[in-house]
């Protein structure tokens, strides 16, 4: 399993979450603020199988936009997750 930590702009979050839920993914959404995007943003936590990482990256490219030239539309961390439980 993989854990994707995705930091996106708040304005893009609804479209991204809707697209991921339509693909049958469980997404945890947290409001956040920090240095990556330098504005209010949203952090998504997504537990997935390794072969689905690229599909999620494709959705992020479709739904995330950058209004400023030096501002990233999304920051993505993909981590190994040795255990994943839904209780």
PDB file of N, CA and C in Angstrom:
ATOM      1  N   UNK A   1       0.838  -1.191   0.000  1.00  0.00           N
ATOM      2  CA  UNK A   1       0.000   0.000   0.000  1.00  0.00           C
ATOM      3  C   UNK A   1       0.875   1.244   0.000  1.00  0.00           C
ATOM      4  N   UNK A   2       0.289   2.311  -0.515  1.00  0.00           N
ATOM      5  CA  UNK A   2       0.932   3.620  -0.536  1.00  0.00           C
ATOM      6  C   UNK A   2       0.021   4.615   0.172  1.00  0.00           C
ATOM      7  N   UNK A   3       0.638   5.633   0.739  1.00  0.00           N
ATOM      8  CA  UNK A   3      -0.102   6.757   1.284  1.00  0.00           C
ATOM      9  C   UNK A   3       0.307   7.978   0.485  1.00  0.00           C
ATOM     10  N   UNK A   4      -0.667   8.589  -0.168  1.00  0.00           N
ATOM     11  CA  UNK A   4      -0.403   9.832  -0.884  1.00  0.00           C
ATOM     12  C   UNK A   4      -0.842  10.988  -0.001  1.00  0.00           C
ATOM     13  N   UNK A   5       0.067  11.922   0.194  1.00  0.00           N
ATOM     14  CA  UNK A   5      -0.230  13.164   0.895  1.00  0.00           C
ATOM     15  C   UNK A   5      -0.197  14.231  -0.187  1.00  0.00           C
ATOM     16  N   UNK A   6      -1.346  14.824  -0.463  1.00  0.00           N
ATOM     17  CA  UNK A   6      -1.495  15.750  -1.579  1.00  0.00           C
ATOM     18  C   UNK A   6      -1.897  17.108  -1.039  1.00  0.00           C
ATOM     19  N   UNK A   7      -1.093  18.126  -1.328  1.00  0.00           N
ATOM     20  CA  UNK A   7      -1.383  19.487  -0.883  1.00  0.00           C
ATOM     21  C   UNK A   7      -1.782  20.292  -2.111  1.00  0.00           C
ATOM     22  N   UNK A   8      -3.024  20.810  -2.069  1.00  0.00           N
ATOM     23  CA  UNK A   8      -3.555  21.560  -3.204  1.00  0.00           C
ATOM     24  C   UNK A   8      -4.203  22.849  -2.714  1.00  0.00           C
ATOM     25  N   UNK A   9      -4.478  23.734  -3.651  1.00  0.00           N
ATOM     26  CA  UNK A   9      -5.172  24.967  -3.313  1.00  0.00           C
ATOM     27  C   UNK A   9      -6.625  24.662  -2.978  1.00  0.00           C
ATOM     28  N   UNK A  10      -7.164  25.428  -2.053  1.00  0.00           N
ATOM     29  CA  UNK A  10      -8.543  25.223  -1.618  1.00  0.00           C
ATOM     30  C   UNK A  10      -9.513  25.289  -2.794  1.00  0.00           C
ATOM     31  N   UNK A  11      -9.271  26.194  -3.727  1.00  0.00           N
ATOM     32  CA  UNK A  11     -10.194  26.367  -4.862  1.00  0.00           C
ATOM     33  C   UNK A  11     -10.271  25.129  -5.757  1.00  0.00           C
ATOM     34  N   UNK A  12      -9.254  24.291  -5.730  1.00  0.00           N
ATOM     35  CA  UNK A  12      -9.236  23.081  -6.558  1.00  0.00           C
ATOM     36  C   UNK A  12      -9.766  21.844  -5.832  1.00  0.00           C
ATOM     37  N   UNK A  13      -9.946  21.949  -4.538  1.00  0.00           N
ATOM     38  CA  UNK A  13     -10.188  20.752  -3.723  1.00  0.00           C
ATOM     39  C   UNK A  13     -11.502  20.045  -4.030  1.00  0.00           C
ATOM     40  N   UNK A  14     -12.583  20.780  -4.256  1.00  0.00           N
ATOM     41  CA  UNK A  14     -13.863  20.114  -4.510  1.00  0.00           C
ATOM     42  C   UNK A  14     -13.797  19.238  -5.760  1.00  0.00           C
ATOM     43  N   UNK A  15     -13.253  19.767  -6.836  1.00  0.00           N
ATOM     44  CA  UNK A  15     -13.150  19.002  -8.082  1.00  0.00           C
ATOM     45  C   UNK A  15     -12.271  17.773  -7.948  1.00  0.00           C
ATOM     46  N   UNK A  16     -11.158  17.925  -7.223  1.00  0.00           N
ATOM     47  CA  UNK A  16     -10.241  16.786  -7.032  1.00  0.00           C
ATOM     48  C   UNK A  16     -10.916  15.706  -6.201  1.00  0.00           C
ATOM     49  N   UNK A  17     -11.506  16.095  -5.077  1.00  0.00           N
ATOM     50  CA  UNK A  17     -12.134  15.105  -4.193  1.00  0.00           C
ATOM     51  C   UNK A  17     -13.276  14.394  -4.919  1.00  0.00           C
ATOM     52  N   UNK A  18     -14.106  15.137  -5.642  1.00  0.00           N
ATOM     53  CA  UNK A  18     -15.204  14.508  -6.389  1.00  0.00           C
ATOM     54  C   UNK A  18     -14.678  13.497  -7.406  1.00  0.00           C
ATOM     55  N   UNK A  19     -13.630  13.854  -8.128  1.00  0.00           N
ATOM     56  CA  UNK A  19     -13.070  12.951  -9.137  1.00  0.00           C
ATOM     57  C   UNK A  19     -12.511  11.685  -8.496  1.00  0.00           C
ATOM     58  N   UNK A  20     -11.842  11.827  -7.357  1.00  0.00           N
ATOM     59  CA  UNK A  20     -11.265  10.657  -6.692  1.00  0.00           C
ATOM     60  C   UNK A  20     -12.338   9.760  -6.093  1.00  0.00           C
ATOM     61  N   UNK A  21     -13.374  10.350  -5.515  1.00  0.00           N
ATOM     62  CA  UNK A  21     -14.475   9.556  -4.949  1.00  0.00           C
ATOM     63  C   UNK A  21     -15.207   8.806  -6.058  1.00  0.00           C
ATOM     64  N   UNK A  22     -15.358   9.436  -7.230  1.00  0.00           N
ATOM     65  CA  UNK A  22     -15.990   8.759  -8.369  1.00  0.00           C
ATOM     66  C   UNK A  22     -15.196   7.526  -8.797  1.00  0.00           C
ATOM     67  N   UNK A  23     -13.893   7.524  -8.532  1.00  0.00           N
ATOM     68  CA  UNK A  23     -13.046   6.372  -8.857  1.00  0.00           C
ATOM     69  C   UNK A  23     -13.065   5.333  -7.735  1.00  0.00           C
ATOM     70  N   UNK A  24     -13.884   5.555  -6.720  1.00  0.00           N
ATOM     71  CA  UNK A  24     -14.013   4.593  -5.642  1.00  0.00           C
ATOM     72  C   UNK A  24     -12.970   4.717  -4.548  1.00  0.00           C
ATOM     73  N   UNK A  25     -12.279   5.848  -4.488  1.00  0.00           N
ATOM     74  CA  UNK A  25     -11.243   6.043  -3.477  1.00  0.00           C
ATOM     75  C   UNK A  25     -11.805   6.717  -2.233  1.00  0.00           C
ATOM     76  N   UNK A  26     -11.230   6.378  -1.096  1.00  0.00           N
ATOM     77  CA  UNK A  26     -11.537   7.071   0.149  1.00  0.00           C
ATOM     78  C   UNK A  26     -10.504   8.173   0.315  1.00  0.00           C
ATOM     79  N   UNK A  27     -10.971   9.371   0.578  1.00  0.00           N
ATOM     80  CA  UNK A  27     -10.089  10.522   0.686  1.00  0.00           C
ATOM     81  C   UNK A  27     -10.382  11.239   1.993  1.00  0.00           C
ATOM     82  N   UNK A  28      -9.337  11.520   2.763  1.00  0.00           N
ATOM     83  CA  UNK A  28      -9.475  12.337   3.965  1.00  0.00           C
ATOM     84  C   UNK A  28      -8.987  13.731   3.627  1.00  0.00           C
ATOM     85  N   UNK A  29      -9.839  14.715   3.869  1.00  0.00           N
ATOM     86  CA  UNK A  29      -9.540  16.112   3.523  1.00  0.00           C
ATOM     87  C   UNK A  29      -9.320  16.902   4.809  1.00  0.00           C
ATOM     88  N   UNK A  30      -8.206  17.641   4.847  1.00  0.00           N
ATOM     89  CA  UNK A  30      -7.889  18.479   6.009  1.00  0.00           C
ATOM     90  C   UNK A  30      -7.552  19.881   5.522  1.00  0.00           C
ATOM     91  N   UNK A  31      -8.115  20.889   6.160  1.00  0.00           N
ATOM     92  CA  UNK A  31      -7.713  22.259   5.858  1.00  0.00           C
ATOM     93  C   UNK A  31      -6.325  22.466   6.428  1.00  0.00           C
ATOM     94  N   UNK A  32      -5.479  23.187   5.697  1.00  0.00           N
ATOM     95  CA  UNK A  32      -4.110  23.393   6.152  1.00  0.00           C
ATOM     96  C   UNK A  32      -3.583  24.721   5.623  1.00  0.00           C
ATOM     97  N   UNK A  33      -2.532  25.173   6.241  1.00  0.00           N
ATOM     98  CA  UNK A  33      -1.831  26.370   5.800  1.00  0.00           C
ATOM     99  C   UNK A  33      -0.361  26.093   5.943  1.00  0.00           C
ATOM    100  N   UNK A  34       0.426  26.543   4.977  1.00  0.00           N
ATOM    101  CA  UNK A  34       1.851  26.275   5.106  1.00  0.00           C
ATOM    102  C   UNK A  34       2.660  26.886   3.992  1.00  0.00           C
ATOM    103  N   UNK A  35       3.925  26.567   3.998  1.00  0.00           N
ATOM    104  CA  UNK A  35       4.867  27.166   3.076  1.00  0.00           C
ATOM    105  C   UNK A  35       4.842  26.620   1.671  1.00  0.00           C
ATOM    106  N   UNK A  36       4.255  25.436   1.433  1.00  0.00           N
ATOM    107  CA  UNK A  36       4.289  24.860   0.095  1.00  0.00           C
ATOM    108  C   UNK A  36       3.575  25.746  -0.920  1.00  0.00           C
ATOM    109  N   UNK A  37       2.349  26.105  -0.624  1.00  0.00           N
ATOM    110  CA  UNK A  37       1.576  26.915  -1.556  1.00  0.00           C
ATOM    111  C   UNK A  37       1.414  28.349  -1.071  1.00  0.00           C
ATOM    112  N   UNK A  38       1.883  28.642   0.126  1.00  0.00           N
ATOM    113  CA  UNK A  38       1.908  29.972   0.708  1.00  0.00           C
ATOM    114  C   UNK A  38       0.536  30.615   0.904  1.00  0.00           C
ATOM    115  N   UNK A  39      -0.512  29.861   0.839  1.00  0.00           N
ATOM    116  CA  UNK A  39      -1.865  30.351   1.054  1.00  0.00           C
ATOM    117  C   UNK A  39      -2.651  29.252   1.752  1.00  0.00           C
ATOM    118  N   UNK A  40      -3.907  29.555   2.079  1.00  0.00           N
ATOM    119  CA  UNK A  40      -4.765  28.507   2.618  1.00  0.00           C
ATOM    120  C   UNK A  40      -4.863  27.383   1.610  1.00  0.00           C
ATOM    121  N   UNK A  41      -4.723  26.170   2.075  1.00  0.00           N
ATOM    122  CA  UNK A  41      -4.762  25.038   1.165  1.00  0.00           C
ATOM    123  C   UNK A  41      -5.435  23.858   1.824  1.00  0.00           C
ATOM    124  N   UNK A  42      -5.473  22.780   1.114  1.00  0.00           N
ATOM    125  CA  UNK A  42      -6.111  21.548   1.581  1.00  0.00           C
ATOM    126  C   UNK A  42      -5.092  20.420   1.454  1.00  0.00           C
ATOM    127  N   UNK A  43      -5.024  19.583   2.472  1.00  0.00           N
ATOM    128  CA  UNK A  43      -4.181  18.390   2.429  1.00  0.00           C
ATOM    129  C   UNK A  43      -5.093  17.173   2.337  1.00  0.00           C
ATOM    130  N   UNK A  44      -4.851  16.353   1.338  1.00  0.00           N
ATOM    131  CA  UNK A  44      -5.613  15.121   1.144  1.00  0.00           C
ATOM    132  C   UNK A  44      -4.747  13.935   1.528  1.00  0.00           C
ATOM    133  N   UNK A  45      -5.322  12.998   2.255  1.00  0.00           N
ATOM    134  CA  UNK A  45      -4.664  11.735   2.581  1.00  0.00           C
ATOM    135  C   UNK A  45      -5.403  10.637   1.836  1.00  0.00           C
ATOM    136  N   UNK A  46      -4.651   9.875   1.041  1.00  0.00           N
ATOM    137  CA  UNK A  46      -5.262   8.850   0.198  1.00  0.00           C
ATOM    138  C   UNK A  46      -4.463   7.563   0.331  1.00  0.00           C
ATOM    139  N   UNK A  47      -5.081   6.517   0.835  1.00  0.00           N
ATOM    140  CA  UNK A  47      -4.449   5.203   0.916  1.00  0.00           C
ATOM    141  C   UNK A  47      -4.827   4.397  -0.319  1.00  0.00           C
ATOM    142  N   UNK A  48      -3.816   3.926  -1.086  1.00  0.00           N
ATOM    143  CA  UNK A  48      -4.101   3.269  -2.359  1.00  0.00           C
ATOM    144  C   UNK A  48      -3.121   2.149  -2.654  1.00  0.00           C
ATOM    145  N   UNK A  49      -3.483   1.346  -3.638  1.00  0.00           N
ATOM    146  CA  UNK A  49      -2.576   0.336  -4.167  1.00  0.00           C
ATOM    147  C   UNK A  49      -1.538   1.044  -5.048  1.00  0.00           C
ATOM    148  N   UNK A  50      -0.311   0.536  -5.086  1.00  0.00           N
ATOM    149  CA  UNK A  50       0.756   1.203  -5.858  1.00  0.00           C
ATOM    150  C   UNK A  50       0.431   1.438  -7.335  1.00  0.00           C
ATOM    151  N   UNK A  51      -0.328   0.545  -7.947  1.00  0.00           N
ATOM    152  CA  UNK A  51      -0.612   0.704  -9.377  1.00  0.00           C
ATOM    153  C   UNK A  51      -1.621   1.815  -9.678  1.00  0.00           C
ATOM    154  N   UNK A  52      -2.191   2.455  -8.648  1.00  0.00           N
ATOM    155  CA  UNK A  52      -3.165   3.531  -8.867  1.00  0.00           C
ATOM    156  C   UNK A  52      -2.566   4.926  -8.695  1.00  0.00           C
ATOM    157  N   UNK A  53      -1.293   5.000  -8.319  1.00  0.00           N
ATOM    158  CA  UNK A  53      -0.652   6.299  -8.085  1.00  0.00           C
ATOM    159  C   UNK A  53      -0.714   7.169  -9.346  1.00  0.00           C
ATOM    160  N   UNK A  54      -0.387   6.602 -10.478  1.00  0.00           N
ATOM    161  CA  UNK A  54      -0.362   7.380 -11.719  1.00  0.00           C
ATOM    162  C   UNK A  54      -1.747   7.901 -12.092  1.00  0.00           C
ATOM    163  N   UNK A  55      -2.788   7.126 -11.847  1.00  0.00           N
ATOM    164  CA  UNK A  55      -4.156   7.562 -12.145  1.00  0.00           C
ATOM    165  C   UNK A  55      -4.532   8.770 -11.288  1.00  0.00           C
ATOM    166  N   UNK A  56      -4.102   8.759 -10.039  1.00  0.00           N
ATOM    167  CA  UNK A  56      -4.382   9.906  -9.167  1.00  0.00           C
ATOM    168  C   UNK A  56      -3.593  11.120  -9.639  1.00  0.00           C
ATOM    169  N   UNK A  57      -2.343  10.925 -10.021  1.00  0.00           N
ATOM    170  CA  UNK A  57      -1.560  12.034 -10.552  1.00  0.00           C
ATOM    171  C   UNK A  57      -2.230  12.632 -11.791  1.00  0.00           C
ATOM    172  N   UNK A  58      -2.797  11.800 -12.628  1.00  0.00           N
ATOM    173  CA  UNK A  58      -3.512  12.294 -13.810  1.00  0.00           C
ATOM    174  C   UNK A  58      -4.709  13.160 -13.412  1.00  0.00           C
ATOM    175  N   UNK A  59      -5.461  12.723 -12.399  1.00  0.00           N
ATOM    176  CA  UNK A  59      -6.603  13.517 -11.923  1.00  0.00           C
ATOM    177  C   UNK A  59      -6.135  14.867 -11.369  1.00  0.00           C
ATOM    178  N   UNK A  60      -5.020  14.856 -10.657  1.00  0.00           N
ATOM    179  CA  UNK A  60      -4.491  16.109 -10.114  1.00  0.00           C
ATOM    180  C   UNK A  60      -4.110  17.064 -11.246  1.00  0.00           C
ATOM    181  N   UNK A  61      -3.504  16.541 -12.285  1.00  0.00           N
ATOM    182  CA  UNK A  61      -3.121  17.385 -13.427  1.00  0.00           C
ATOM    183  C   UNK A  61      -4.350  17.975 -14.110  1.00  0.00           C
ATOM    184  N   UNK A  62      -5.449  17.222 -14.141  1.00  0.00           N
ATOM    185  CA  UNK A  62      -6.688  17.699 -14.773  1.00  0.00           C
ATOM    186  C   UNK A  62      -7.390  18.771 -13.948  1.00  0.00           C
ATOM    187  N   UNK A  63      -7.371  18.615 -12.633  1.00  0.00           N
ATOM    188  CA  UNK A  63      -8.213  19.457 -11.782  1.00  0.00           C
ATOM    189  C   UNK A  63      -7.484  20.560 -11.024  1.00  0.00           C
ATOM    190  N   UNK A  64      -6.173  20.532 -10.967  1.00  0.00           N
ATOM    191  CA  UNK A  64      -5.426  21.540 -10.214  1.00  0.00           C
ATOM    192  C   UNK A  64      -4.835  22.569 -11.167  1.00  0.00           C
ATOM    193  N   UNK A  65      -5.004  23.830 -10.806  1.00  0.00           N
ATOM    194  CA  UNK A  65      -4.503  24.915 -11.639  1.00  0.00           C
ATOM    195  C   UNK A  65      -3.623  25.837 -10.818  1.00  0.00           C
ATOM    196  N   UNK A  66      -2.720  26.507 -11.500  1.00  0.00           N
ATOM    197  CA  UNK A  66      -1.843  27.474 -10.844  1.00  0.00           C
ATOM    198  C   UNK A  66      -2.096  28.841 -11.460  1.00  0.00           C
ATOM    199  N   UNK A  67      -2.480  29.801 -10.634  1.00  0.00           N
ATOM    200  CA  UNK A  67      -2.772  31.144 -11.128  1.00  0.00           C
ATOM    201  C   UNK A  67      -1.507  31.977 -11.310  1.00  0.00           C
ATOM    202  N   UNK A  68      -0.438  31.571 -10.656  1.00  0.00           N
ATOM    203  CA  UNK A  68       0.811  32.335 -10.712  1.00  0.00           C
ATOM    204  C   UNK A  68       1.912  31.466 -11.315  1.00  0.00           C
ATOM    205  N   UNK A  69       2.831  32.074 -12.077  1.00  0.00           N
ATOM    206  CA  UNK A  69       3.874  31.294 -12.758  1.00  0.00           C
ATOM    207  C   UNK A  69       4.765  30.461 -11.837  1.00  0.00           C
ATOM    208  N   UNK A  70       5.119  30.952 -10.673  1.00  0.00           N
ATOM    209  CA  UNK A  70       6.032  30.229  -9.788  1.00  0.00           C
ATOM    210  C   UNK A  70       5.312  29.426  -8.703  1.00  0.00           C
ATOM    211  N   UNK A  71       4.021  29.304  -8.817  1.00  0.00           N
ATOM    212  CA  UNK A  71       3.232  28.588  -7.819  1.00  0.00           C
ATOM    213  C   UNK A  71       2.844  27.224  -8.360  1.00  0.00           C
ATOM    214  N   UNK A  72       3.181  26.177  -7.618  1.00  0.00           N
ATOM    215  CA  UNK A  72       2.807  24.826  -8.033  1.00  0.00           C
ATOM    216  C   UNK A  72       1.314  24.620  -7.844  1.00  0.00           C
ATOM    217  N   UNK A  73       0.719  23.854  -8.704  1.00  0.00           N
ATOM    218  CA  UNK A  73      -0.698  23.547  -8.588  1.00  0.00           C
ATOM    219  C   UNK A  73      -0.945  22.493  -7.513  1.00  0.00           C
ATOM    220  N   UNK A  74       0.030  21.615  -7.285  1.00  0.00           N
ATOM    221  CA  UNK A  74      -0.105  20.561  -6.272  1.00  0.00           C
ATOM    222  C   UNK A  74       1.283  20.110  -5.838  1.00  0.00           C
ATOM    223  N   UNK A  75       1.366  19.702  -4.582  1.00  0.00           N
ATOM    224  CA  UNK A  75       2.573  19.072  -4.063  1.00  0.00           C
ATOM    225  C   UNK A  75       2.158  17.685  -3.580  1.00  0.00           C
ATOM    226  N   UNK A  76       2.867  16.652  -4.055  1.00  0.00           N
ATOM    227  CA  UNK A  76       2.457  15.279  -3.776  1.00  0.00           C
ATOM    228  C   UNK A  76       3.614  14.504  -3.147  1.00  0.00           C
ATOM    229  N   UNK A  77       3.323  13.834  -2.034  1.00  0.00           N
ATOM    230  CA  UNK A  77       4.266  12.920  -1.402  1.00  0.00           C
ATOM    231  C   UNK A  77       3.662  11.526  -1.485  1.00  0.00           C
ATOM    232  N   UNK A  78       4.438  10.554  -1.922  1.00  0.00           N
ATOM    233  CA  UNK A  78       3.976   9.170  -1.966  1.00  0.00           C
ATOM    234  C   UNK A  78       4.863   8.375  -1.013  1.00  0.00           C
ATOM    235  N   UNK A  79       4.234   7.810   0.015  1.00  0.00           N
ATOM    236  CA  UNK A  79       4.955   7.120   1.083  1.00  0.00           C
ATOM    237  C   UNK A  79       4.571   5.647   1.126  1.00  0.00           C
ATOM    238  N   UNK A  80       5.523   4.829   1.530  1.00  0.00           N
ATOM    239  CA  UNK A  80       5.219   3.409   1.788  1.00  0.00           C
ATOM    240  C   UNK A  80       4.340   3.336   3.033  1.00  0.00           C
ATOM    241  N   UNK A  81       3.335   2.490   2.981  1.00  0.00           N
ATOM    242  CA  UNK A  81       2.431   2.321   4.110  1.00  0.00           C
ATOM    243  C   UNK A  81       2.340   0.832   4.416  1.00  0.00           C
ATOM    244  N   UNK A  82       3.050   0.379   5.451  1.00  0.00           N
ATOM    245  CA  UNK A  82       3.098  -1.058   5.711  1.00  0.00           C
ATOM    246  C   UNK A  82       1.763  -1.650   6.169  1.00  0.00           C
ATOM    247  N   UNK A  83       0.882  -0.816   6.708  1.00  0.00           N
ATOM    248  CA  UNK A  83      -0.397  -1.338   7.195  1.00  0.00           C
ATOM    249  C   UNK A  83      -1.490  -0.321   6.941  1.00  0.00           C
ATOM    250  N   UNK A  84      -2.665  -0.784   6.533  1.00  0.00           N
ATOM    251  CA  UNK A  84      -3.803   0.091   6.252  1.00  0.00           C
ATOM    252  C   UNK A  84      -5.052  -0.595   6.792  1.00  0.00           C
ATOM    253  N   UNK A  85      -5.697   0.009   7.779  1.00  0.00           N
ATOM    254  CA  UNK A  85      -6.880  -0.577   8.397  1.00  0.00           C
ATOM    255  C   UNK A  85      -8.046   0.389   8.335  1.00  0.00           C
ATOM    256  N   UNK A  86      -9.230  -0.142   8.122  1.00  0.00           N
ATOM    257  CA  UNK A  86     -10.476   0.621   8.270  1.00  0.00           C
ATOM    258  C   UNK A  86     -11.248  -0.080   9.378  1.00  0.00           C
ATOM    259  N   UNK A  87     -11.447   0.617  10.456  1.00  0.00           N
ATOM    260  CA  UNK A  87     -12.104   0.011  11.622  1.00  0.00           C
ATOM    261  C   UNK A  87     -13.513   0.544  11.766  1.00  0.00           C
TER     262      UNK A  87
END
